[in-house]
């Protein structure tokens, strides 16, 4: 029941041409550094992998905001 405080910064996009953007991403950092965000992300990745929804498990400090 404890809140997870995050610091989000640096909105970026994946593409050389801003008019052709498919993915936006930000740097996300846990405030307090207890490792809860990393554990949450690992649990989500494991769940998606177990369900066959990932091509591979890639460990990157990115959070995808939009992808279309």
N, C-alpha and C. Protein backbone atom coordinates (compact mmCIF):
# COMPACT_ATOMS: atom_id res chain seq x y z
N UNK A 1 0.77 -1.20 0.00
CA UNK A 1 0.00 0.00 0.00
C UNK A 1 0.82 1.28 0.00
N UNK A 2 2.11 1.19 -0.19
CA UNK A 2 2.98 2.36 -0.18
C UNK A 2 3.09 2.94 -1.60
N UNK A 3 3.02 4.27 -1.71
CA UNK A 3 3.12 4.93 -3.02
C UNK A 3 4.51 4.75 -3.61
N UNK A 4 4.56 4.72 -4.93
CA UNK A 4 5.81 4.65 -5.66
C UNK A 4 6.04 6.01 -6.31
N UNK A 5 7.03 6.74 -5.82
CA UNK A 5 7.33 8.07 -6.33
C UNK A 5 8.36 7.96 -7.45
N UNK A 6 8.06 8.60 -8.60
CA UNK A 6 8.94 8.55 -9.76
C UNK A 6 9.33 9.94 -10.22
N UNK A 7 10.52 10.05 -10.77
CA UNK A 7 10.97 11.26 -11.44
C UNK A 7 11.05 10.90 -12.92
N UNK A 8 10.31 11.65 -13.74
CA UNK A 8 10.26 11.40 -15.18
C UNK A 8 10.83 12.62 -15.89
N UNK A 9 11.77 12.36 -16.81
CA UNK A 9 12.38 13.49 -17.51
C UNK A 9 12.85 13.07 -18.90
N UNK A 10 13.09 14.05 -19.75
CA UNK A 10 13.73 13.83 -21.04
C UNK A 10 12.87 13.17 -22.09
N UNK A 11 11.71 13.70 -22.41
CA UNK A 11 10.88 13.14 -23.46
C UNK A 11 11.66 13.11 -24.77
N UNK A 12 11.78 11.93 -25.35
CA UNK A 12 12.52 11.73 -26.60
C UNK A 12 11.66 10.90 -27.55
N UNK A 13 12.08 10.84 -28.79
CA UNK A 13 11.38 10.02 -29.77
C UNK A 13 12.39 9.18 -30.54
N UNK A 14 11.90 8.04 -31.06
CA UNK A 14 12.75 7.13 -31.82
C UNK A 14 12.47 7.32 -33.30
N UNK A 15 13.23 8.19 -33.92
CA UNK A 15 13.18 8.38 -35.36
C UNK A 15 13.99 9.62 -35.69
N UNK A 16 14.63 9.63 -36.83
CA UNK A 16 15.38 10.81 -37.26
C UNK A 16 14.45 11.92 -37.74
N UNK A 17 13.27 11.55 -38.18
CA UNK A 17 12.30 12.51 -38.72
C UNK A 17 11.14 12.66 -37.73
N UNK A 18 11.03 13.81 -37.05
CA UNK A 18 9.96 14.00 -36.06
C UNK A 18 8.54 13.81 -36.61
N UNK A 19 8.36 13.97 -37.91
CA UNK A 19 7.03 13.78 -38.48
C UNK A 19 6.69 12.30 -38.67
N UNK A 20 7.66 11.42 -38.47
CA UNK A 20 7.46 9.98 -38.63
C UNK A 20 7.68 9.21 -37.33
N UNK A 21 7.35 9.83 -36.21
CA UNK A 21 7.60 9.22 -34.90
C UNK A 21 6.62 8.08 -34.63
N UNK A 22 7.17 6.94 -34.19
CA UNK A 22 6.36 5.78 -33.79
C UNK A 22 6.42 5.54 -32.29
N UNK A 23 7.52 5.94 -31.64
CA UNK A 23 7.73 5.64 -30.23
C UNK A 23 8.23 6.88 -29.49
N UNK A 24 7.61 7.19 -28.35
CA UNK A 24 8.08 8.21 -27.44
C UNK A 24 8.62 7.52 -26.19
N UNK A 25 9.69 8.06 -25.60
CA UNK A 25 10.20 7.46 -24.37
C UNK A 25 10.76 8.53 -23.45
N UNK A 26 10.88 8.17 -22.18
CA UNK A 26 11.40 9.07 -21.16
C UNK A 26 12.35 8.29 -20.25
N UNK A 27 13.17 9.02 -19.53
CA UNK A 27 13.98 8.43 -18.47
C UNK A 27 13.13 8.45 -17.20
N UNK A 28 13.03 7.29 -16.55
CA UNK A 28 12.24 7.17 -15.33
C UNK A 28 13.17 6.74 -14.21
N UNK A 29 13.11 7.46 -13.10
CA UNK A 29 13.95 7.17 -11.94
C UNK A 29 13.08 7.11 -10.70
N UNK A 30 13.30 6.09 -9.90
CA UNK A 30 12.57 5.95 -8.64
C UNK A 30 13.14 6.91 -7.60
N UNK A 31 12.27 7.67 -6.97
CA UNK A 31 12.69 8.57 -5.89
C UNK A 31 12.80 7.72 -4.62
N UNK A 32 13.94 7.75 -3.99
CA UNK A 32 14.15 6.96 -2.77
C UNK A 32 15.02 5.75 -3.01
N UNK A 33 15.07 5.27 -4.23
CA UNK A 33 15.98 4.19 -4.59
C UNK A 33 15.82 2.89 -3.85
N UNK A 34 14.59 2.47 -3.55
CA UNK A 34 14.37 1.20 -2.85
C UNK A 34 14.34 0.00 -3.79
N UNK A 35 14.39 0.25 -5.09
CA UNK A 35 14.39 -0.84 -6.06
C UNK A 35 13.01 -1.36 -6.42
N UNK A 36 11.97 -0.70 -5.94
CA UNK A 36 10.61 -1.18 -6.19
C UNK A 36 10.22 -1.05 -7.67
N UNK A 37 10.67 0.04 -8.31
CA UNK A 37 10.34 0.24 -9.72
C UNK A 37 10.99 -0.85 -10.57
N UNK A 38 12.25 -1.15 -10.31
CA UNK A 38 12.93 -2.19 -11.06
C UNK A 38 12.26 -3.55 -10.87
N UNK A 39 11.88 -3.87 -9.65
CA UNK A 39 11.19 -5.15 -9.38
C UNK A 39 9.86 -5.20 -10.09
N UNK A 40 9.12 -4.07 -10.11
CA UNK A 40 7.85 -4.02 -10.82
C UNK A 40 8.05 -4.24 -12.31
N UNK A 41 9.03 -3.56 -12.89
CA UNK A 41 9.31 -3.70 -14.33
C UNK A 41 9.71 -5.14 -14.67
N UNK A 42 10.56 -5.74 -13.84
CA UNK A 42 10.98 -7.12 -14.08
C UNK A 42 9.79 -8.07 -14.01
N UNK A 43 8.87 -7.84 -13.08
CA UNK A 43 7.69 -8.69 -12.96
C UNK A 43 6.80 -8.57 -14.20
N UNK A 44 6.65 -7.35 -14.71
CA UNK A 44 5.84 -7.14 -15.91
C UNK A 44 6.50 -7.82 -17.12
N UNK A 45 7.81 -7.63 -17.28
CA UNK A 45 8.53 -8.27 -18.38
C UNK A 45 8.41 -9.79 -18.29
N UNK A 46 8.58 -10.35 -17.10
CA UNK A 46 8.45 -11.80 -16.91
C UNK A 46 7.05 -12.27 -17.28
N UNK A 47 6.04 -11.54 -16.86
CA UNK A 47 4.66 -11.91 -17.19
C UNK A 47 4.42 -11.89 -18.70
N UNK A 48 4.86 -10.82 -19.36
CA UNK A 48 4.70 -10.73 -20.81
C UNK A 48 5.46 -11.87 -21.50
N UNK A 49 6.69 -12.18 -21.03
CA UNK A 49 7.48 -13.26 -21.62
C UNK A 49 6.78 -14.60 -21.43
N UNK A 50 6.26 -14.83 -20.24
CA UNK A 50 5.56 -16.09 -19.96
C UNK A 50 4.34 -16.27 -20.86
N UNK A 51 3.72 -15.17 -21.25
CA UNK A 51 2.54 -15.21 -22.11
C UNK A 51 2.89 -15.19 -23.60
N UNK A 52 4.20 -15.18 -23.92
CA UNK A 52 4.64 -15.19 -25.31
C UNK A 52 4.46 -13.86 -26.02
N UNK A 53 4.42 -12.77 -25.27
CA UNK A 53 4.18 -11.46 -25.85
C UNK A 53 5.47 -10.69 -26.14
N UNK A 54 6.63 -11.27 -25.88
CA UNK A 54 7.91 -10.62 -26.14
C UNK A 54 8.73 -11.45 -27.11
N UNK A 55 9.46 -10.76 -27.98
CA UNK A 55 10.39 -11.47 -28.85
C UNK A 55 11.64 -11.87 -28.08
N UNK A 56 12.05 -11.00 -27.15
CA UNK A 56 13.20 -11.29 -26.29
C UNK A 56 13.12 -10.41 -25.06
N UNK A 57 13.81 -10.81 -24.00
CA UNK A 57 13.89 -9.99 -22.80
C UNK A 57 15.09 -9.06 -22.93
N UNK A 58 14.81 -7.78 -23.10
CA UNK A 58 15.87 -6.78 -23.25
C UNK A 58 15.82 -5.88 -22.03
N UNK A 59 16.93 -5.76 -21.32
CA UNK A 59 17.00 -4.91 -20.13
C UNK A 59 17.46 -3.52 -20.52
N UNK A 60 16.55 -2.58 -20.60
CA UNK A 60 16.89 -1.19 -20.91
C UNK A 60 16.12 -0.29 -19.96
N UNK A 61 16.74 0.80 -19.53
CA UNK A 61 16.05 1.72 -18.61
C UNK A 61 15.13 2.68 -19.35
N UNK A 62 14.19 2.13 -20.10
CA UNK A 62 13.24 2.94 -20.86
C UNK A 62 11.83 2.53 -20.54
N UNK A 63 10.93 3.47 -20.62
CA UNK A 63 9.51 3.18 -20.49
C UNK A 63 8.84 3.72 -21.73
N UNK A 64 8.18 2.87 -22.51
CA UNK A 64 7.51 3.30 -23.72
C UNK A 64 6.17 3.93 -23.35
N UNK A 65 5.96 5.16 -23.78
CA UNK A 65 4.71 5.86 -23.51
C UNK A 65 3.67 5.60 -24.57
N UNK A 66 4.10 5.63 -25.82
CA UNK A 66 3.17 5.40 -26.92
C UNK A 66 3.90 4.64 -28.01
N UNK A 67 3.20 3.72 -28.65
CA UNK A 67 3.72 3.03 -29.82
C UNK A 67 2.56 2.69 -30.71
N UNK A 68 2.65 3.12 -31.96
CA UNK A 68 1.57 2.81 -32.90
C UNK A 68 2.12 2.52 -34.26
